[in-house]
């Protein structure tokens, strides 16, 4: 029998506001997160871990993190989180004191061992700035962690994409020192995936020879303007999250990313009759 995969759900850009407040006076991000949590809880088979890849809060404020913690009480799965540009490192530490970040101050990097996998969560936030950057300590920590093994597959998560997605006002906020990250990734072939957030819509490319994804948001999507036609804007599109499934196998196994829509849809409907013939 084939061994079931290790599954990591990635959600991103929650932008939780204080109770009763809407993002941009239009989007109920708390309600959106609750819908997402319902989907995560009912997914079968049970998801092994949820990674929240930044922008948990919106402005940020202590009230927002308190509201976020209340909403996350409904999540029946373990989770880990890293900050985005809308977050506060200090407020996140206070909100989640049991999260074992690598240092007691500064960047909120974290190493999680999940079955045969190493998950390396990188804090790309720059306090007070919208763009991302990995500081020297974080880059050194990543190099050390990746050098600690040569045979365990590793998945990296950070908020800011290290590539241009083609949306001009988001690309000027991406990871500024992506070349330094690329140099480290190229030295360590055990890196199998880099998962990002920030852009509020799904995207896929290769970065330093590795699949690199952007996770959609459970609330609103950044307008897909690839030609600078419009001012920065958002749309309320079908919401989703990413499910990264790792299958054990030769060398570093296989990682497959699925986009899972949030909500109730028809089905599943069978393809075949009870006698095995195709329904026609």
C-alpha atoms as a PDB file:
ATOM      1  CA  UNK A   1       0.000   0.000   0.000  1.00  0.00           C
ATOM      2  CA  UNK A   2       1.233   3.485  -0.880  1.00  0.00           C
ATOM      3  CA  UNK A   3       2.206   5.494   2.157  1.00  0.00           C
ATOM      4  CA  UNK A   4      -0.109   8.500   2.628  1.00  0.00           C
ATOM      5  CA  UNK A   5       1.506  11.883   2.016  1.00  0.00           C
ATOM      6  CA  UNK A   6       2.517  14.420   4.614  1.00  0.00           C
ATOM      7  CA  UNK A   7       0.164  17.364   4.121  1.00  0.00           C
ATOM      8  CA  UNK A   8       0.791  21.019   4.918  1.00  0.00           C
ATOM      9  CA  UNK A   9      -1.979  23.534   4.374  1.00  0.00           C
ATOM     10  CA  UNK A  10      -0.698  27.031   3.685  1.00  0.00           C
ATOM     11  CA  UNK A  11      -2.948  30.004   4.358  1.00  0.00           C
ATOM     12  CA  UNK A  12      -1.789  33.574   4.048  1.00  0.00           C
ATOM     13  CA  UNK A  13      -2.702  37.236   4.318  1.00  0.00           C
ATOM     14  CA  UNK A  14      -5.514  36.980   6.852  1.00  0.00           C
ATOM     15  CA  UNK A  15      -5.528  40.746   7.569  1.00  0.00           C
ATOM     16  CA  UNK A  16      -7.624  40.395  10.698  1.00  0.00           C
ATOM     17  CA  UNK A  17      -8.912  43.697  12.038  1.00  0.00           C
ATOM     18  CA  UNK A  18     -10.463  44.592  15.385  1.00  0.00           C
ATOM     19  CA  UNK A  19     -13.972  43.167  15.880  1.00  0.00           C
ATOM     20  CA  UNK A  20     -16.550  44.916  13.707  1.00  0.00           C
ATOM     21  CA  UNK A  21     -13.992  46.462  11.338  1.00  0.00           C
ATOM     22  CA  UNK A  22     -13.814  45.661   7.614  1.00  0.00           C
ATOM     23  CA  UNK A  23     -10.669  45.714   5.500  1.00  0.00           C
ATOM     24  CA  UNK A  24     -10.863  48.668   3.111  1.00  0.00           C
ATOM     25  CA  UNK A  25     -14.386  49.224   4.549  1.00  0.00           C
ATOM     26  CA  UNK A  26     -15.583  46.328   2.385  1.00  0.00           C
ATOM     27  CA  UNK A  27     -14.032  42.925   3.243  1.00  0.00           C
ATOM     28  CA  UNK A  28     -14.982  40.956   6.355  1.00  0.00           C
ATOM     29  CA  UNK A  29     -11.643  39.234   6.857  1.00  0.00           C
ATOM     30  CA  UNK A  30     -12.728  37.612  10.139  1.00  0.00           C
ATOM     31  CA  UNK A  31     -15.665  35.916   8.449  1.00  0.00           C
ATOM     32  CA  UNK A  32     -13.364  34.861   5.607  1.00  0.00           C
ATOM     33  CA  UNK A  33     -10.924  33.266   8.050  1.00  0.00           C
ATOM     34  CA  UNK A  34     -13.770  31.421   9.799  1.00  0.00           C
ATOM     35  CA  UNK A  35     -14.889  29.960   6.466  1.00  0.00           C
ATOM     36  CA  UNK A  36     -11.308  28.915   5.758  1.00  0.00           C
ATOM     37  CA  UNK A  37     -10.984  27.253   9.176  1.00  0.00           C
ATOM     38  CA  UNK A  38     -14.172  25.283   8.540  1.00  0.00           C
ATOM     39  CA  UNK A  39     -12.681  24.013   5.278  1.00  0.00           C
ATOM     40  CA  UNK A  40      -9.379  23.094   6.934  1.00  0.00           C
ATOM     41  CA  UNK A  41     -11.109  21.228   9.770  1.00  0.00           C
ATOM     42  CA  UNK A  42     -13.303  19.139   7.487  1.00  0.00           C
ATOM     43  CA  UNK A  43     -10.661  18.254   4.918  1.00  0.00           C
ATOM     44  CA  UNK A  44     -10.057  14.499   4.743  1.00  0.00           C
ATOM     45  CA  UNK A  45      -7.637  12.985   5.407  1.00  0.00           C
ATOM     46  CA  UNK A  46      -6.681  15.171   8.353  1.00  0.00           C
ATOM     47  CA  UNK A  47      -4.081  17.817   7.488  1.00  0.00           C
ATOM     48  CA  UNK A  48      -0.807  17.434   9.390  1.00  0.00           C
ATOM     49  CA  UNK A  49       0.064  21.113   9.828  1.00  0.00           C
ATOM     50  CA  UNK A  50      -1.136  24.593   8.868  1.00  0.00           C
ATOM     51  CA  UNK A  51       1.435  27.241   7.935  1.00  0.00           C
ATOM     52  CA  UNK A  52       0.267  30.856   8.106  1.00  0.00           C
ATOM     53  CA  UNK A  53       2.669  32.785   5.898  1.00  0.00           C
ATOM     54  CA  UNK A  54       2.267  36.332   7.099  1.00  0.00           C
ATOM     55  CA  UNK A  55      -0.042  39.322   7.410  1.00  0.00           C
ATOM     56  CA  UNK A  56      -2.022  37.772  10.228  1.00  0.00           C
ATOM     57  CA  UNK A  57      -3.129  41.203  11.439  1.00  0.00           C
ATOM     58  CA  UNK A  58      -3.798  44.329   9.416  1.00  0.00           C
ATOM     59  CA  UNK A  59      -2.688  47.602  10.987  1.00  0.00           C
ATOM     60  CA  UNK A  60      -1.348  45.919  13.339  1.00  0.00           C
ATOM     61  CA  UNK A  61      -2.713  46.279  16.884  1.00  0.00           C
ATOM     62  CA  UNK A  62      -3.037  44.209  20.045  1.00  0.00           C
ATOM     63  CA  UNK A  63      -6.821  44.141  19.535  1.00  0.00           C
ATOM     64  CA  UNK A  64      -6.348  42.554  16.125  1.00  0.00           C
ATOM     65  CA  UNK A  65      -4.129  39.780  17.500  1.00  0.00           C
ATOM     66  CA  UNK A  66      -6.588  39.155  20.329  1.00  0.00           C
ATOM     67  CA  UNK A  67      -9.381  38.827  17.767  1.00  0.00           C
ATOM     68  CA  UNK A  68      -7.183  36.570  15.623  1.00  0.00           C
ATOM     69  CA  UNK A  69      -6.456  34.256  18.563  1.00  0.00           C
ATOM     70  CA  UNK A  70     -10.170  33.988  19.290  1.00  0.00           C
ATOM     71  CA  UNK A  71     -10.872  33.044  15.672  1.00  0.00           C
ATOM     72  CA  UNK A  72      -8.038  30.492  15.614  1.00  0.00           C
ATOM     73  CA  UNK A  73      -9.494  28.700  18.639  1.00  0.00           C
ATOM     74  CA  UNK A  74     -11.854  26.991  16.171  1.00  0.00           C
ATOM     75  CA  UNK A  75      -8.925  25.504  14.229  1.00  0.00           C
ATOM     76  CA  UNK A  76      -8.599  21.824  15.158  1.00  0.00           C
ATOM     77  CA  UNK A  77      -5.143  21.469  13.567  1.00  0.00           C
ATOM     78  CA  UNK A  78      -1.669  22.499  14.744  1.00  0.00           C
ATOM     79  CA  UNK A  79      -0.357  25.686  13.146  1.00  0.00           C
ATOM     80  CA  UNK A  80       2.776  27.772  12.876  1.00  0.00           C
ATOM     81  CA  UNK A  81       3.050  31.367  11.707  1.00  0.00           C
ATOM     82  CA  UNK A  82       5.554  33.881  10.414  1.00  0.00           C
ATOM     83  CA  UNK A  83       5.021  37.640  10.066  1.00  0.00           C
ATOM     84  CA  UNK A  84       4.363  39.695   6.966  1.00  0.00           C
ATOM     85  CA  UNK A  85       4.702  43.405   6.365  1.00  0.00           C
ATOM     86  CA  UNK A  86       1.382  44.125   8.129  1.00  0.00           C
ATOM     87  CA  UNK A  87       2.496  42.333  11.299  1.00  0.00           C
ATOM     88  CA  UNK A  88       4.423  43.331  14.412  1.00  0.00           C
ATOM     89  CA  UNK A  89       7.111  40.963  15.647  1.00  0.00           C
ATOM     90  CA  UNK A  90       6.608  42.069  19.242  1.00  0.00           C
ATOM     91  CA  UNK A  91       2.817  41.712  19.143  1.00  0.00           C
ATOM     92  CA  UNK A  92       3.113  38.291  17.484  1.00  0.00           C
ATOM     93  CA  UNK A  93       5.496  37.083  20.189  1.00  0.00           C
ATOM     94  CA  UNK A  94       3.062  38.296  22.831  1.00  0.00           C
ATOM     95  CA  UNK A  95       0.080  36.700  21.082  1.00  0.00           C
ATOM     96  CA  UNK A  96       1.757  33.308  20.597  1.00  0.00           C
ATOM     97  CA  UNK A  97       4.180  32.859  23.512  1.00  0.00           C
ATOM     98  CA  UNK A  98       4.275  29.088  23.029  1.00  0.00           C
ATOM     99  CA  UNK A  99       5.644  29.323  19.486  1.00  0.00           C
ATOM    100  CA  UNK A 100       9.283  28.307  19.589  1.00  0.00           C
ATOM    101  CA  UNK A 101      11.000  30.934  17.459  1.00  0.00           C
ATOM    102  CA  UNK A 102      14.739  30.537  17.055  1.00  0.00           C
ATOM    103  CA  UNK A 103      15.672  33.690  18.979  1.00  0.00           C
ATOM    104  CA  UNK A 104      14.065  35.665  21.799  1.00  0.00           C
ATOM    105  CA  UNK A 105      14.191  38.915  19.810  1.00  0.00           C
ATOM    106  CA  UNK A 106      14.520  40.043  16.224  1.00  0.00           C
ATOM    107  CA  UNK A 107      13.358  37.942  13.280  1.00  0.00           C
ATOM    108  CA  UNK A 108      10.744  35.266  13.992  1.00  0.00           C
ATOM    109  CA  UNK A 109      12.439  32.384  12.180  1.00  0.00           C
ATOM    110  CA  UNK A 110      11.435  28.847  13.058  1.00  0.00           C
ATOM    111  CA  UNK A 111      12.409  25.240  12.304  1.00  0.00           C
ATOM    112  CA  UNK A 112       9.718  22.569  12.378  1.00  0.00           C
ATOM    113  CA  UNK A 113      10.382  18.850  11.910  1.00  0.00           C
ATOM    114  CA  UNK A 114       7.380  17.105  10.387  1.00  0.00           C
ATOM    115  CA  UNK A 115       7.881  13.379   9.749  1.00  0.00           C
ATOM    116  CA  UNK A 116      10.789  13.174   7.273  1.00  0.00           C
ATOM    117  CA  UNK A 117      10.518  16.866   6.381  1.00  0.00           C
ATOM    118  CA  UNK A 118      12.299  19.982   7.607  1.00  0.00           C
ATOM    119  CA  UNK A 119      10.146  23.109   7.435  1.00  0.00           C
ATOM    120  CA  UNK A 120      12.147  26.331   7.641  1.00  0.00           C
ATOM    121  CA  UNK A 121      10.020  29.397   8.266  1.00  0.00           C
ATOM    122  CA  UNK A 122      11.765  32.662   7.435  1.00  0.00           C
ATOM    123  CA  UNK A 123      10.804  36.106   8.687  1.00  0.00           C
ATOM    124  CA  UNK A 124      11.154  38.412   5.672  1.00  0.00           C
ATOM    125  CA  UNK A 125       9.408  41.375   7.314  1.00  0.00           C
ATOM    126  CA  UNK A 126      11.158  44.719   7.649  1.00  0.00           C
ATOM    127  CA  UNK A 127       9.634  46.681  10.556  1.00  0.00           C
ATOM    128  CA  UNK A 128       7.722  49.674   9.244  1.00  0.00           C
ATOM    129  CA  UNK A 129       8.274  48.848   5.575  1.00  0.00           C
ATOM    130  CA  UNK A 130       6.121  47.061   2.970  1.00  0.00           C
ATOM    131  CA  UNK A 131       8.969  45.287   1.170  1.00  0.00           C
ATOM    132  CA  UNK A 132      10.769  42.169   2.338  1.00  0.00           C
ATOM    133  CA  UNK A 133      14.362  41.412   3.214  1.00  0.00           C
ATOM    134  CA  UNK A 134      16.168  38.571   4.957  1.00  0.00           C
ATOM    135  CA  UNK A 135      18.676  40.042   7.379  1.00  0.00           C
ATOM    136  CA  UNK A 136      22.187  38.686   7.772  1.00  0.00           C
ATOM    137  CA  UNK A 137      21.266  36.650  10.832  1.00  0.00           C
ATOM    138  CA  UNK A 138      18.345  34.994   9.037  1.00  0.00           C
ATOM    139  CA  UNK A 139      20.466  34.154   6.004  1.00  0.00           C
ATOM    140  CA  UNK A 140      23.172  32.668   8.240  1.00  0.00           C
ATOM    141  CA  UNK A 141      20.577  30.689  10.185  1.00  0.00           C
ATOM    142  CA  UNK A 142      19.102  29.317   6.957  1.00  0.00           C
ATOM    143  CA  UNK A 143      22.532  28.288   5.688  1.00  0.00           C
ATOM    144  CA  UNK A 144      23.317  26.530   8.968  1.00  0.00           C
ATOM    145  CA  UNK A 145      19.975  24.725   9.097  1.00  0.00           C
ATOM    146  CA  UNK A 146      20.197  23.500   5.510  1.00  0.00           C
ATOM    147  CA  UNK A 147      23.799  22.352   6.029  1.00  0.00           C
ATOM    148  CA  UNK A 148      22.752  20.268   9.037  1.00  0.00           C
ATOM    149  CA  UNK A 149      21.443  17.483   6.792  1.00  0.00           C
ATOM    150  CA  UNK A 150      21.985  16.303   3.245  1.00  0.00           C
ATOM    151  CA  UNK A 151      19.160  13.784   2.920  1.00  0.00           C
ATOM    152  CA  UNK A 152      16.070  15.322   4.589  1.00  0.00           C
ATOM    153  CA  UNK A 153      13.855  17.239   2.148  1.00  0.00           C
ATOM    154  CA  UNK A 154      13.302  20.844   3.187  1.00  0.00           C
ATOM    155  CA  UNK A 155      10.426  23.226   2.499  1.00  0.00           C
ATOM    156  CA  UNK A 156      10.947  26.973   2.930  1.00  0.00           C
ATOM    157  CA  UNK A 157       8.182  29.440   3.775  1.00  0.00           C
ATOM    158  CA  UNK A 158       8.356  33.245   3.846  1.00  0.00           C
ATOM    159  CA  UNK A 159       5.924  36.086   3.271  1.00  0.00           C
ATOM    160  CA  UNK A 160       7.515  38.072   0.452  1.00  0.00           C
ATOM    161  CA  UNK A 161       8.003  36.378  -2.938  1.00  0.00           C
ATOM    162  CA  UNK A 162      11.612  36.376  -4.146  1.00  0.00           C
ATOM    163  CA  UNK A 163      10.432  36.960  -7.741  1.00  0.00           C
ATOM    164  CA  UNK A 164       8.380  39.467  -9.717  1.00  0.00           C
ATOM    165  CA  UNK A 165       4.807  38.288 -10.271  1.00  0.00           C
ATOM    166  CA  UNK A 166       4.100  40.934 -12.921  1.00  0.00           C
ATOM    167  CA  UNK A 167       1.768  43.075 -10.782  1.00  0.00           C
ATOM    168  CA  UNK A 168       3.704  46.335 -10.653  1.00  0.00           C
ATOM    169  CA  UNK A 169       2.638  47.723  -7.291  1.00  0.00           C
ATOM    170  CA  UNK A 170       3.229  44.359  -5.579  1.00  0.00           C
ATOM    171  CA  UNK A 171       6.551  43.664  -7.297  1.00  0.00           C
ATOM    172  CA  UNK A 172       8.091  46.774  -5.787  1.00  0.00           C
ATOM    173  CA  UNK A 173       7.292  45.256  -2.370  1.00  0.00           C
ATOM    174  CA  UNK A 174       8.801  41.806  -2.926  1.00  0.00           C
ATOM    175  CA  UNK A 175      11.971  40.329  -1.389  1.00  0.00           C
ATOM    176  CA  UNK A 176      14.772  42.826  -1.995  1.00  0.00           C
ATOM    177  CA  UNK A 177      17.720  40.457  -1.504  1.00  0.00           C
ATOM    178  CA  UNK A 178      16.378  37.490  -3.437  1.00  0.00           C
ATOM    179  CA  UNK A 179      19.823  36.889  -4.951  1.00  0.00           C
ATOM    180  CA  UNK A 180      21.261  36.081  -1.526  1.00  0.00           C
ATOM    181  CA  UNK A 181      18.447  33.606  -0.883  1.00  0.00           C
ATOM    182  CA  UNK A 182      18.981  32.053  -4.319  1.00  0.00           C
ATOM    183  CA  UNK A 183      22.676  31.482  -3.643  1.00  0.00           C
ATOM    184  CA  UNK A 184      21.874  29.525  -0.468  1.00  0.00           C
ATOM    185  CA  UNK A 185      19.112  27.477  -2.114  1.00  0.00           C
ATOM    186  CA  UNK A 186      21.399  26.486  -4.995  1.00  0.00           C
ATOM    187  CA  UNK A 187      23.972  25.140  -2.517  1.00  0.00           C
ATOM    188  CA  UNK A 188      21.420  22.818  -0.914  1.00  0.00           C
ATOM    189  CA  UNK A 189      19.521  20.526  -3.298  1.00  0.00           C
ATOM    190  CA  UNK A 190      17.362  19.216  -0.460  1.00  0.00           C
ATOM    191  CA  UNK A 191      15.178  22.343  -0.783  1.00  0.00           C
ATOM    192  CA  UNK A 192      12.069  21.101  -2.604  1.00  0.00           C
ATOM    193  CA  UNK A 193       9.672  24.050  -2.370  1.00  0.00           C
ATOM    194  CA  UNK A 194       9.528  27.724  -1.469  1.00  0.00           C
ATOM    195  CA  UNK A 195       6.051  28.851  -0.383  1.00  0.00           C
ATOM    196  CA  UNK A 196       5.218  32.566  -0.202  1.00  0.00           C
ATOM    197  CA  UNK A 197       2.245  34.880   0.313  1.00  0.00           C
ATOM    198  CA  UNK A 198       1.822  38.678   0.074  1.00  0.00           C
ATOM    199  CA  UNK A 199       0.211  38.905  -3.404  1.00  0.00           C
ATOM    200  CA  UNK A 200      -3.195  37.468  -2.410  1.00  0.00           C
ATOM    201  CA  UNK A 201      -3.440  35.255  -5.475  1.00  0.00           C
ATOM    202  CA  UNK A 202      -1.982  31.933  -6.634  1.00  0.00           C
ATOM    203  CA  UNK A 203       1.146  31.960  -8.758  1.00  0.00           C
ATOM    204  CA  UNK A 204       3.913  29.485  -9.615  1.00  0.00           C
ATOM    205  CA  UNK A 205       7.411  29.842 -11.005  1.00  0.00           C
ATOM    206  CA  UNK A 206      10.883  28.383 -10.534  1.00  0.00           C
ATOM    207  CA  UNK A 207      13.353  30.193  -8.309  1.00  0.00           C
ATOM    208  CA  UNK A 208      16.970  29.061  -8.025  1.00  0.00           C
ATOM    209  CA  UNK A 209      15.874  25.832  -9.713  1.00  0.00           C
ATOM    210  CA  UNK A 210      13.138  25.140  -7.140  1.00  0.00           C
ATOM    211  CA  UNK A 211       9.332  25.411  -7.471  1.00  0.00           C
ATOM    212  CA  UNK A 212       8.212  28.652  -5.831  1.00  0.00           C
ATOM    213  CA  UNK A 213       4.538  29.319  -5.140  1.00  0.00           C
ATOM    214  CA  UNK A 214       2.403  32.203  -3.964  1.00  0.00           C
ATOM    215  CA  UNK A 215      -0.555  31.189  -1.830  1.00  0.00           C
ATOM    216  CA  UNK A 216      -3.985  32.736  -2.455  1.00  0.00           C
ATOM    217  CA  UNK A 217      -5.759  34.544   0.361  1.00  0.00           C
ATOM    218  CA  UNK A 218      -8.995  33.460   2.078  1.00  0.00           C
ATOM    219  CA  UNK A 219     -10.520  36.926   1.645  1.00  0.00           C
ATOM    220  CA  UNK A 220      -9.699  39.237  -1.280  1.00  0.00           C
ATOM    221  CA  UNK A 221      -7.370  39.013  -4.270  1.00  0.00           C
ATOM    222  CA  UNK A 222      -5.027  41.631  -5.658  1.00  0.00           C
ATOM    223  CA  UNK A 223      -6.235  42.728  -9.089  1.00  0.00           C
ATOM    224  CA  UNK A 224      -4.381  40.802 -11.813  1.00  0.00           C
ATOM    225  CA  UNK A 225      -3.137  43.861 -13.689  1.00  0.00           C
ATOM    226  CA  UNK A 226      -0.134  42.779 -15.765  1.00  0.00           C
ATOM    227  CA  UNK A 227       0.125  45.962 -17.837  1.00  0.00           C
ATOM    228  CA  UNK A 228      -0.219  48.858 -15.362  1.00  0.00           C
ATOM    229  CA  UNK A 229      -3.690  49.643 -16.729  1.00  0.00           C
ATOM    230  CA  UNK A 230      -5.259  50.378 -13.343  1.00  0.00           C
ATOM    231  CA  UNK A 231      -4.490  51.916  -9.989  1.00  0.00           C
ATOM    232  CA  UNK A 232      -3.728  49.393  -7.188  1.00  0.00           C
ATOM    233  CA  UNK A 233      -6.952  47.553  -6.448  1.00  0.00           C
ATOM    234  CA  UNK A 234      -8.450  44.294  -5.228  1.00  0.00           C
ATOM    235  CA  UNK A 235     -11.256  41.954  -6.230  1.00  0.00           C
ATOM    236  CA  UNK A 236     -13.365  39.534  -4.231  1.00  0.00           C
ATOM    237  CA  UNK A 237     -12.685  36.347  -6.179  1.00  0.00           C
ATOM    238  CA  UNK A 238     -13.274  32.693  -5.187  1.00  0.00           C
ATOM    239  CA  UNK A 239     -11.149  32.093  -2.090  1.00  0.00           C
ATOM    240  CA  UNK A 240      -8.726  29.203  -1.661  1.00  0.00           C
ATOM    241  CA  UNK A 241      -5.691  27.888   0.179  1.00  0.00           C
ATOM    242  CA  UNK A 242      -2.728  25.767  -0.855  1.00  0.00           C
ATOM    243  CA  UNK A 243      -2.269  22.175   0.204  1.00  0.00           C
ATOM    244  CA  UNK A 244       1.303  20.932  -0.154  1.00  0.00           C
ATOM    245  CA  UNK A 245       1.422  17.133  -0.240  1.00  0.00           C
ATOM    246  CA  UNK A 246       4.798  15.428   0.151  1.00  0.00           C
ATOM    247  CA  UNK A 247       5.091  11.820  -1.006  1.00  0.00           C
ATOM    248  CA  UNK A 248       8.027   9.726   0.178  1.00  0.00           C
ATOM    249  CA  UNK A 249      10.157   8.290  -2.599  1.00  0.00           C
ATOM    250  CA  UNK A 250      13.662   8.134  -4.086  1.00  0.00           C
ATOM    251  CA  UNK A 251      16.037  10.948  -3.222  1.00  0.00           C
ATOM    252  CA  UNK A 252      13.879  13.708  -1.718  1.00  0.00           C
ATOM    253  CA  UNK A 253      10.457  12.352  -2.601  1.00  0.00           C
ATOM    254  CA  UNK A 254       7.853  14.388  -4.467  1.00  0.00           C
ATOM    255  CA  UNK A 255       6.044  17.561  -3.473  1.00  0.00           C
ATOM    256  CA  UNK A 256       2.697  18.372  -5.113  1.00  0.00           C
ATOM    257  CA  UNK A 257       0.763  21.604  -4.460  1.00  0.00           C
ATOM    258  CA  UNK A 258      -3.021  21.639  -4.783  1.00  0.00           C
ATOM    259  CA  UNK A 259      -5.264  24.691  -4.721  1.00  0.00           C
ATOM    260  CA  UNK A 260      -8.272  23.972  -2.510  1.00  0.00           C
ATOM    261  CA  UNK A 261     -11.352  26.201  -2.933  1.00  0.00           C
ATOM    262  CA  UNK A 262     -13.126  27.415   0.183  1.00  0.00           C
ATOM    263  CA  UNK A 263     -16.872  26.803   0.303  1.00  0.00           C
ATOM    264  CA  UNK A 264     -19.559  24.261  -0.524  1.00  0.00           C
ATOM    265  CA  UNK A 265     -19.747  22.871  -4.052  1.00  0.00           C
ATOM    266  CA  UNK A 266     -21.649  20.101  -5.772  1.00  0.00           C
ATOM    267  CA  UNK A 267     -20.233  16.588  -5.500  1.00  0.00           C
ATOM    268  CA  UNK A 268     -18.381  14.438  -5.315  1.00  0.00           C
ATOM    269  CA  UNK A 269     -20.411  12.687  -8.043  1.00  0.00           C
ATOM    270  CA  UNK A 270     -19.375   9.189  -9.200  1.00  0.00           C
ATOM    271  CA  UNK A 271     -17.920   8.575 -12.649  1.00  0.00           C
ATOM    272  CA  UNK A 272     -19.006   4.921 -12.737  1.00  0.00           C
ATOM    273  CA  UNK A 273     -22.124   2.805 -12.294  1.00  0.00           C
ATOM    274  CA  UNK A 274     -22.169   0.062  -9.616  1.00  0.00           C
ATOM    275  CA  UNK A 275     -21.207  -2.461 -12.329  1.00  0.00           C
ATOM    276  CA  UNK A 276     -18.070  -0.492 -13.199  1.00  0.00           C
ATOM    277  CA  UNK A 277     -19.309   0.975 -16.462  1.00  0.00           C
ATOM    278  CA  UNK A 278     -18.915   4.673 -17.154  1.00  0.00           C
ATOM    279  CA  UNK A 279     -22.017   6.726 -16.403  1.00  0.00           C
ATOM    280  CA  UNK A 280     -23.389   7.972 -19.720  1.00  0.00           C
END
